[in-house]
């Protein structure tokens, strides 16, 4: 329909691969919500700026447990990035930030057993509209906690 998608890069938006993906999506006219851990805030703000320069509506989210919020806000203020990044308290095991048509989940599932992956994937499905898309990116070379995490993907599809 020609409308831009809003894509959440659920994790790793400030890493090399996340940055490359965000840049391409921005150049293709997508609106972006770029998420990473609070420790990546300054790099995340740089990626938000890069995507905005390419015409995208972009914002950064530091997504972590609520106990990390005061430190994250102090860090935002110290770095002067509060206008480009915000803190969202949460856990993938409880709720995934909503408001996107597409979620690109990068480098998350390889860390968890199938039952935990299933919880994360269900939360992604709940965060997306009925017509939404979930894209999962896994580093094929990563040492995995569970070699059969794809079983969880099948459980979610049912």
Protein backbone atom coordinates (compact mmCIF):
# COMPACT_ATOMS: atom_id res chain seq x y z
CA UNK A 1 0.00 0.00 0.00
CA UNK A 2 3.04 2.27 -0.11
CA UNK A 3 2.93 3.16 3.60
CA UNK A 4 6.19 2.83 5.53
CA UNK A 5 6.47 0.07 8.09
CA UNK A 6 7.56 0.83 11.59
CA UNK A 7 10.24 -1.66 12.48
CA UNK A 8 11.57 -2.38 15.95
CA UNK A 9 15.09 -3.70 15.96
CA UNK A 10 14.49 -5.46 19.22
CA UNK A 11 18.12 -5.86 20.13
CA UNK A 12 21.49 -5.13 18.69
CA UNK A 13 20.43 -1.97 16.88
CA UNK A 14 23.65 -0.33 18.02
CA UNK A 15 25.85 -3.22 16.88
CA UNK A 16 27.47 -3.45 13.47
CA UNK A 17 24.81 -5.67 11.89
CA UNK A 18 21.96 -3.76 13.55
CA UNK A 19 23.41 -0.49 12.28
CA UNK A 20 23.69 -1.83 8.73
CA UNK A 21 20.10 -3.12 8.79
CA UNK A 22 18.75 0.13 10.24
CA UNK A 23 20.59 2.19 7.63
CA UNK A 24 19.16 0.16 4.74
CA UNK A 25 15.64 0.31 6.19
CA UNK A 26 15.93 4.08 6.65
CA UNK A 27 17.12 4.52 3.07
CA UNK A 28 14.09 2.52 1.91
CA UNK A 29 11.71 4.88 3.71
CA UNK A 30 10.79 2.84 6.77
CA UNK A 31 10.11 4.45 10.13
CA UNK A 32 12.28 2.94 12.85
CA UNK A 33 12.28 2.27 16.55
CA UNK A 34 15.81 1.13 17.34
CA UNK A 35 16.25 -0.80 20.57
CA UNK A 36 19.28 -1.95 22.50
CA UNK A 37 20.58 -2.21 26.06
CA UNK A 38 21.16 1.04 27.98
CA UNK A 39 24.94 0.50 27.85
CA UNK A 40 24.75 1.13 24.09
CA UNK A 41 22.96 4.48 24.44
CA UNK A 42 25.52 6.78 22.82
CA UNK A 43 25.92 4.45 19.83
CA UNK A 44 22.14 4.06 19.65
CA UNK A 45 21.72 7.84 19.50
CA UNK A 46 24.27 7.97 16.66
CA UNK A 47 22.27 5.35 14.72
CA UNK A 48 19.06 7.31 15.31
CA UNK A 49 20.78 10.43 13.92
CA UNK A 50 22.09 8.49 10.91
CA UNK A 51 18.62 7.15 10.11
CA UNK A 52 16.99 10.56 10.54
CA UNK A 53 19.51 12.05 8.09
CA UNK A 54 18.31 9.45 5.59
CA UNK A 55 14.72 10.66 6.00
CA UNK A 56 13.39 8.10 8.46
CA UNK A 57 11.33 8.88 11.51
CA UNK A 58 13.58 7.21 14.07
CA UNK A 59 13.77 6.94 17.82
CA UNK A 60 15.96 4.95 20.15
CA UNK A 61 14.78 2.79 23.00
CA UNK A 62 16.92 1.49 25.81
CA UNK A 63 14.97 -1.63 26.77
CA UNK A 64 15.86 -3.18 30.10
CA UNK A 65 14.57 -4.05 33.55
CA UNK A 66 12.86 -1.28 35.54
CA UNK A 67 15.66 -1.20 38.12
CA UNK A 68 17.96 0.15 35.38
CA UNK A 69 15.79 3.18 34.58
CA UNK A 70 17.30 5.79 36.94
CA UNK A 71 20.81 5.02 35.75
CA UNK A 72 19.71 5.08 32.11
CA UNK A 73 18.09 8.53 32.46
CA UNK A 74 21.19 9.89 34.19
CA UNK A 75 23.27 8.42 31.36
CA UNK A 76 20.98 10.01 28.72
CA UNK A 77 21.36 13.40 30.40
CA UNK A 78 25.13 13.06 30.77
CA UNK A 79 25.48 12.20 27.06
CA UNK A 80 22.90 14.78 25.90
CA UNK A 81 20.79 12.18 24.07
CA UNK A 82 17.49 12.34 25.97
CA UNK A 83 15.86 13.92 22.91
CA UNK A 84 16.70 10.87 20.77
CA UNK A 85 16.50 7.94 23.19
CA UNK A 86 14.04 6.90 25.83
CA UNK A 87 13.97 4.15 28.39
CA UNK A 88 11.34 1.42 28.24
CA UNK A 89 11.20 -0.81 31.29
CA UNK A 90 10.51 -4.43 30.59
CA UNK A 91 11.63 -7.88 29.72
CA UNK A 92 11.02 -9.94 26.61
CA UNK A 93 9.59 -12.54 28.99
CA UNK A 94 6.85 -10.13 30.08
CA UNK A 95 6.07 -7.88 27.12
CA UNK A 96 7.66 -6.67 23.90
CA UNK A 97 7.24 -2.94 23.10
CA UNK A 98 4.28 -2.55 20.74
CA UNK A 99 3.36 -0.10 18.01
CA UNK A 100 5.25 -1.70 15.13
CA UNK A 101 4.12 -3.49 12.00
CA UNK A 102 7.34 -5.49 11.90
CA UNK A 103 9.64 -6.72 14.64
CA UNK A 104 13.18 -7.64 13.69
CA UNK A 105 14.52 -9.73 16.55
CA UNK A 106 18.28 -10.01 16.32
CA UNK A 107 20.54 -12.15 18.51
CA UNK A 108 18.05 -13.02 21.22
CA UNK A 109 16.71 -16.55 20.86
CA UNK A 110 20.07 -18.30 20.75
CA UNK A 111 20.52 -17.45 24.44
CA UNK A 112 17.46 -19.32 25.70
CA UNK A 113 15.93 -22.80 26.01
CA UNK A 114 12.93 -23.65 23.85
CA UNK A 115 10.38 -22.97 26.58
CA UNK A 116 11.83 -19.47 27.16
CA UNK A 117 12.00 -18.83 23.39
CA UNK A 118 8.34 -19.72 23.16
CA UNK A 119 7.47 -17.06 25.76
CA UNK A 120 9.50 -14.42 23.88
CA UNK A 121 7.91 -15.33 20.54
CA UNK A 122 4.40 -15.29 21.98
CA UNK A 123 5.07 -11.82 23.38
CA UNK A 124 6.24 -10.70 19.94
CA UNK A 125 3.03 -12.02 18.40
CA UNK A 126 0.98 -10.16 21.01
CA UNK A 127 2.87 -6.92 20.30
CA UNK A 128 2.18 -7.10 16.55
CA UNK A 129 -1.03 -6.32 14.69
CA UNK A 130 -2.78 -9.26 13.00
CA UNK A 131 -1.04 -8.40 9.73
CA UNK A 132 2.35 -7.91 11.41
CA UNK A 133 5.61 -9.63 10.60
CA UNK A 134 8.24 -11.11 12.87
CA UNK A 135 11.74 -11.50 11.46
CA UNK A 136 14.20 -13.54 13.52
CA UNK A 137 17.91 -13.18 12.90
CA UNK A 138 20.26 -15.70 14.47
CA UNK A 139 24.02 -15.83 14.21
CA UNK A 140 24.59 -19.28 12.75
CA UNK A 141 28.02 -19.39 14.38
CA UNK A 142 26.76 -18.54 17.86
CA UNK A 143 27.07 -21.14 20.56
CA UNK A 144 23.47 -21.84 21.44
CA UNK A 145 21.90 -22.68 24.74
CA UNK A 146 19.46 -24.83 22.82
CA UNK A 147 20.21 -26.29 19.40
CA UNK A 148 16.51 -26.90 18.79
CA UNK A 149 15.05 -23.44 19.45
CA UNK A 150 13.12 -23.80 16.17
CA UNK A 151 10.72 -26.07 18.08
CA UNK A 152 9.52 -22.95 19.84
CA UNK A 153 8.94 -21.25 16.48
CA UNK A 154 6.63 -24.10 15.48
CA UNK A 155 4.69 -23.79 18.72
CA UNK A 156 4.10 -20.09 18.07
CA UNK A 157 2.92 -20.63 14.48
CA UNK A 158 0.13 -22.96 15.61
